[in-house]
């Protein structure tokens, strides 16, 4: 039950970032957008790994890696 609540939090973070970007409230190169995607993807990757969902684990680890790269680029520009 707790794990499911945590996974819902991770999914919500990614969906908030996506909706914010679609509604022109968040820009993909801004810190909040990057952090929401990174933390959400890490949460979902851990949960997917724990329940042995290989495909979902691959997607979420990739999502987290892309977000981590975006975070590195964000701080390099500053």
N, C-alpha and C. Protein backbone atom coordinates (compact mmCIF):
# COMPACT_ATOMS: atom_id res chain seq x y z
N UNK A 1 0.82 -1.20 0.00
CA UNK A 1 0.00 0.00 0.00
C UNK A 1 0.86 1.26 0.00
N UNK A 2 1.89 1.28 0.86
CA UNK A 2 2.78 2.44 0.92
C UNK A 2 3.52 2.60 -0.40
N UNK A 3 3.98 1.47 -0.94
CA UNK A 3 4.71 1.53 -2.21
C UNK A 3 3.83 2.08 -3.33
N UNK A 4 2.56 1.72 -3.32
CA UNK A 4 1.65 2.22 -4.34
C UNK A 4 1.44 3.73 -4.18
N UNK A 5 1.35 4.20 -2.96
CA UNK A 5 1.21 5.64 -2.72
C UNK A 5 2.45 6.39 -3.19
N UNK A 6 3.61 5.81 -2.95
CA UNK A 6 4.86 6.43 -3.39
C UNK A 6 4.92 6.47 -4.91
N UNK A 7 4.49 5.38 -5.55
CA UNK A 7 4.52 5.37 -7.03
C UNK A 7 3.52 6.39 -7.59
N UNK A 8 2.39 6.58 -6.93
CA UNK A 8 1.44 7.61 -7.37
C UNK A 8 2.05 9.00 -7.25
N UNK A 9 2.83 9.23 -6.21
CA UNK A 9 3.52 10.51 -6.05
C UNK A 9 4.50 10.72 -7.21
N UNK A 10 5.27 9.69 -7.55
CA UNK A 10 6.20 9.80 -8.67
C UNK A 10 5.50 10.09 -9.98
N UNK A 11 4.41 9.37 -10.22
CA UNK A 11 3.64 9.60 -11.45
C UNK A 11 3.05 11.00 -11.47
N UNK A 12 2.55 11.45 -10.33
CA UNK A 12 1.97 12.80 -10.25
C UNK A 12 3.02 13.86 -10.56
N UNK A 13 4.24 13.66 -10.09
CA UNK A 13 5.30 14.64 -10.34
C UNK A 13 5.56 14.76 -11.84
N UNK A 14 5.66 13.64 -12.51
CA UNK A 14 5.91 13.66 -13.96
C UNK A 14 4.73 14.28 -14.69
N UNK A 15 3.52 13.93 -14.29
CA UNK A 15 2.33 14.47 -14.94
C UNK A 15 2.17 15.97 -14.71
N UNK A 16 2.52 16.44 -13.52
CA UNK A 16 2.47 17.88 -13.25
C UNK A 16 3.46 18.62 -14.15
N UNK A 17 4.66 18.06 -14.30
CA UNK A 17 5.66 18.69 -15.18
C UNK A 17 5.14 18.73 -16.62
N UNK A 18 4.60 17.61 -17.08
CA UNK A 18 4.11 17.55 -18.45
C UNK A 18 2.94 18.50 -18.68
N UNK A 19 1.98 18.47 -17.78
CA UNK A 19 0.82 19.36 -17.90
C UNK A 19 1.25 20.82 -17.84
N UNK A 20 2.17 21.13 -16.93
CA UNK A 20 2.66 22.50 -16.82
C UNK A 20 3.33 22.97 -18.10
N UNK A 21 4.06 22.08 -18.73
CA UNK A 21 4.73 22.43 -19.99
C UNK A 21 3.69 22.61 -21.10
N UNK A 22 2.71 21.73 -21.17
CA UNK A 22 1.68 21.81 -22.19
C UNK A 22 0.82 23.07 -22.03
N UNK A 23 0.60 23.48 -20.80
CA UNK A 23 -0.21 24.67 -20.52
C UNK A 23 0.62 25.95 -20.49
N UNK A 24 1.90 25.83 -20.87
CA UNK A 24 2.82 26.98 -20.93
C UNK A 24 3.07 27.61 -19.55
N UNK A 25 2.96 26.80 -18.49
CA UNK A 25 3.24 27.28 -17.13
C UNK A 25 4.65 26.91 -16.70
N UNK A 26 5.21 25.85 -17.29
CA UNK A 26 6.58 25.40 -17.00
C UNK A 26 7.33 25.28 -18.32
N UNK A 27 8.58 25.69 -18.29
CA UNK A 27 9.43 25.56 -19.46
C UNK A 27 10.39 24.38 -19.26
N UNK A 28 10.63 23.58 -20.30
CA UNK A 28 11.47 22.40 -20.16
C UNK A 28 12.91 22.68 -19.71
N UNK A 29 13.36 23.91 -19.85
CA UNK A 29 14.73 24.22 -19.45
C UNK A 29 14.79 24.88 -18.07
N UNK A 30 13.70 24.87 -17.33
CA UNK A 30 13.66 25.47 -15.99
C UNK A 30 13.86 24.40 -14.93
N UNK A 31 14.40 24.80 -13.80
CA UNK A 31 14.78 23.87 -12.74
C UNK A 31 13.60 23.07 -12.21
N UNK A 32 12.46 23.68 -11.96
CA UNK A 32 11.32 22.96 -11.41
C UNK A 32 10.88 21.82 -12.33
N UNK A 33 10.80 22.09 -13.61
CA UNK A 33 10.42 21.06 -14.58
C UNK A 33 11.39 19.89 -14.55
N UNK A 34 12.68 20.20 -14.54
CA UNK A 34 13.71 19.16 -14.54
C UNK A 34 13.64 18.34 -13.26
N UNK A 35 13.52 19.00 -12.11
CA UNK A 35 13.48 18.31 -10.82
C UNK A 35 12.25 17.41 -10.71
N UNK A 36 11.09 17.91 -11.14
CA UNK A 36 9.88 17.08 -11.10
C UNK A 36 10.06 15.81 -11.92
N UNK A 37 10.61 15.94 -13.11
CA UNK A 37 10.85 14.77 -13.96
C UNK A 37 11.88 13.84 -13.35
N UNK A 38 12.97 14.38 -12.84
CA UNK A 38 14.04 13.55 -12.29
C UNK A 38 13.56 12.76 -11.07
N UNK A 39 12.98 13.43 -10.11
CA UNK A 39 12.55 12.75 -8.88
C UNK A 39 11.41 11.78 -9.18
N UNK A 40 10.46 12.21 -10.00
CA UNK A 40 9.36 11.32 -10.37
C UNK A 40 9.86 10.05 -11.06
N UNK A 41 10.79 10.20 -11.98
CA UNK A 41 11.33 9.05 -12.71
C UNK A 41 12.13 8.14 -11.79
N UNK A 42 12.90 8.70 -10.87
CA UNK A 42 13.66 7.87 -9.93
C UNK A 42 12.70 7.06 -9.06
N UNK A 43 11.67 7.70 -8.56
CA UNK A 43 10.69 6.99 -7.73
C UNK A 43 10.07 5.83 -8.52
N UNK A 44 9.61 6.11 -9.73
CA UNK A 44 8.97 5.07 -10.52
C UNK A 44 9.95 3.99 -10.94
N UNK A 45 11.20 4.34 -11.19
CA UNK A 45 12.21 3.34 -11.54
C UNK A 45 12.45 2.38 -10.38
N UNK A 46 12.55 2.90 -9.18
CA UNK A 46 12.78 2.05 -8.01
C UNK A 46 11.58 1.12 -7.79
N UNK A 47 10.39 1.66 -7.88
CA UNK A 47 9.19 0.84 -7.69
C UNK A 47 9.11 -0.23 -8.78
N UNK A 48 9.34 0.14 -10.03
CA UNK A 48 9.30 -0.82 -11.13
C UNK A 48 10.35 -1.92 -10.96
N UNK A 49 11.53 -1.54 -10.51
CA UNK A 49 12.59 -2.51 -10.28
C UNK A 49 12.20 -3.50 -9.18
N UNK A 50 11.61 -2.97 -8.12
CA UNK A 50 11.23 -3.81 -6.99
C UNK A 50 10.17 -4.85 -7.35
N UNK A 51 9.30 -4.52 -8.29
CA UNK A 51 8.27 -5.48 -8.71
C UNK A 51 8.65 -6.20 -10.00
N UNK A 52 9.91 -6.05 -10.38
CA UNK A 52 10.49 -6.76 -11.52
C UNK A 52 9.75 -6.49 -12.85
N UNK A 53 9.47 -5.22 -13.09
CA UNK A 53 8.87 -4.79 -14.35
C UNK A 53 9.99 -4.25 -15.24
N UNK A 54 10.61 -5.12 -15.99
CA UNK A 54 11.81 -4.79 -16.75
C UNK A 54 11.60 -3.65 -17.73
N UNK A 55 10.54 -3.71 -18.51
CA UNK A 55 10.29 -2.66 -19.50
C UNK A 55 10.08 -1.30 -18.86
N UNK A 56 9.26 -1.27 -17.82
CA UNK A 56 9.00 -0.01 -17.13
C UNK A 56 10.26 0.50 -16.43
N UNK A 57 11.04 -0.42 -15.88
CA UNK A 57 12.31 -0.01 -15.26
C UNK A 57 13.21 0.65 -16.29
N UNK A 58 13.31 0.07 -17.47
CA UNK A 58 14.14 0.65 -18.54
C UNK A 58 13.65 2.05 -18.92
N UNK A 59 12.35 2.21 -19.07
CA UNK A 59 11.80 3.51 -19.44
C UNK A 59 12.11 4.54 -18.35
N UNK A 60 11.87 4.19 -17.10
CA UNK A 60 12.04 5.15 -16.02
C UNK A 60 13.51 5.46 -15.73
N UNK A 61 14.39 4.47 -15.85
CA UNK A 61 15.82 4.74 -15.70
C UNK A 61 16.29 5.66 -16.82
N UNK A 62 15.81 5.42 -18.03
CA UNK A 62 16.16 6.29 -19.16
C UNK A 62 15.63 7.71 -18.92
N UNK A 63 14.40 7.82 -18.45
CA UNK A 63 13.79 9.12 -18.17
C UNK A 63 14.61 9.86 -17.11
N UNK A 64 15.01 9.14 -16.08
CA UNK A 64 15.82 9.75 -15.02
C UNK A 64 17.19 10.18 -15.55
N UNK A 65 17.79 9.35 -16.40
CA UNK A 65 19.10 9.70 -16.96
C UNK A 65 19.01 10.94 -17.84
N UNK A 66 17.98 11.02 -18.66
CA UNK A 66 17.79 12.20 -19.51
C UNK A 66 17.57 13.44 -18.65
N UNK A 67 16.78 13.28 -17.60
CA UNK A 67 16.53 14.40 -16.69
C UNK A 67 17.80 14.81 -15.94
N UNK A 68 18.61 13.84 -15.56
CA UNK A 68 19.87 14.14 -14.89
C UNK A 68 20.80 14.91 -15.83
N UNK A 69 20.83 14.51 -17.09
CA UNK A 69 21.63 15.22 -18.09
C UNK A 69 21.13 16.66 -18.23
N UNK A 70 19.81 16.84 -18.25
CA UNK A 70 19.23 18.19 -18.34
C UNK A 70 19.60 19.02 -17.11
N UNK A 71 19.64 18.38 -15.94
CA UNK A 71 20.02 19.08 -14.72
C UNK A 71 21.48 19.52 -14.78
N UNK A 72 22.34 18.66 -15.27
CA UNK A 72 23.76 19.02 -15.43
C UNK A 72 23.89 20.19 -16.39
N UNK A 73 23.19 20.14 -17.51
CA UNK A 73 23.23 21.26 -18.48
C UNK A 73 22.70 22.55 -17.85
N UNK A 74 21.66 22.43 -17.05
CA UNK A 74 21.08 23.60 -16.38
C UNK A 74 22.14 24.30 -15.53
N UNK A 75 22.86 23.52 -14.74
CA UNK A 75 23.86 24.12 -13.85
C UNK A 75 25.12 24.56 -14.59
N UNK A 76 25.42 23.95 -15.72
CA UNK A 76 26.55 24.40 -16.52
C UNK A 76 26.29 25.78 -17.13
N UNK A 77 25.03 26.07 -17.43
CA UNK A 77 24.67 27.37 -18.00
C UNK A 77 24.72 28.49 -16.97
N UNK A 78 24.59 28.13 -15.69
CA UNK A 78 24.55 29.14 -14.62
C UNK A 78 25.92 29.63 -14.27
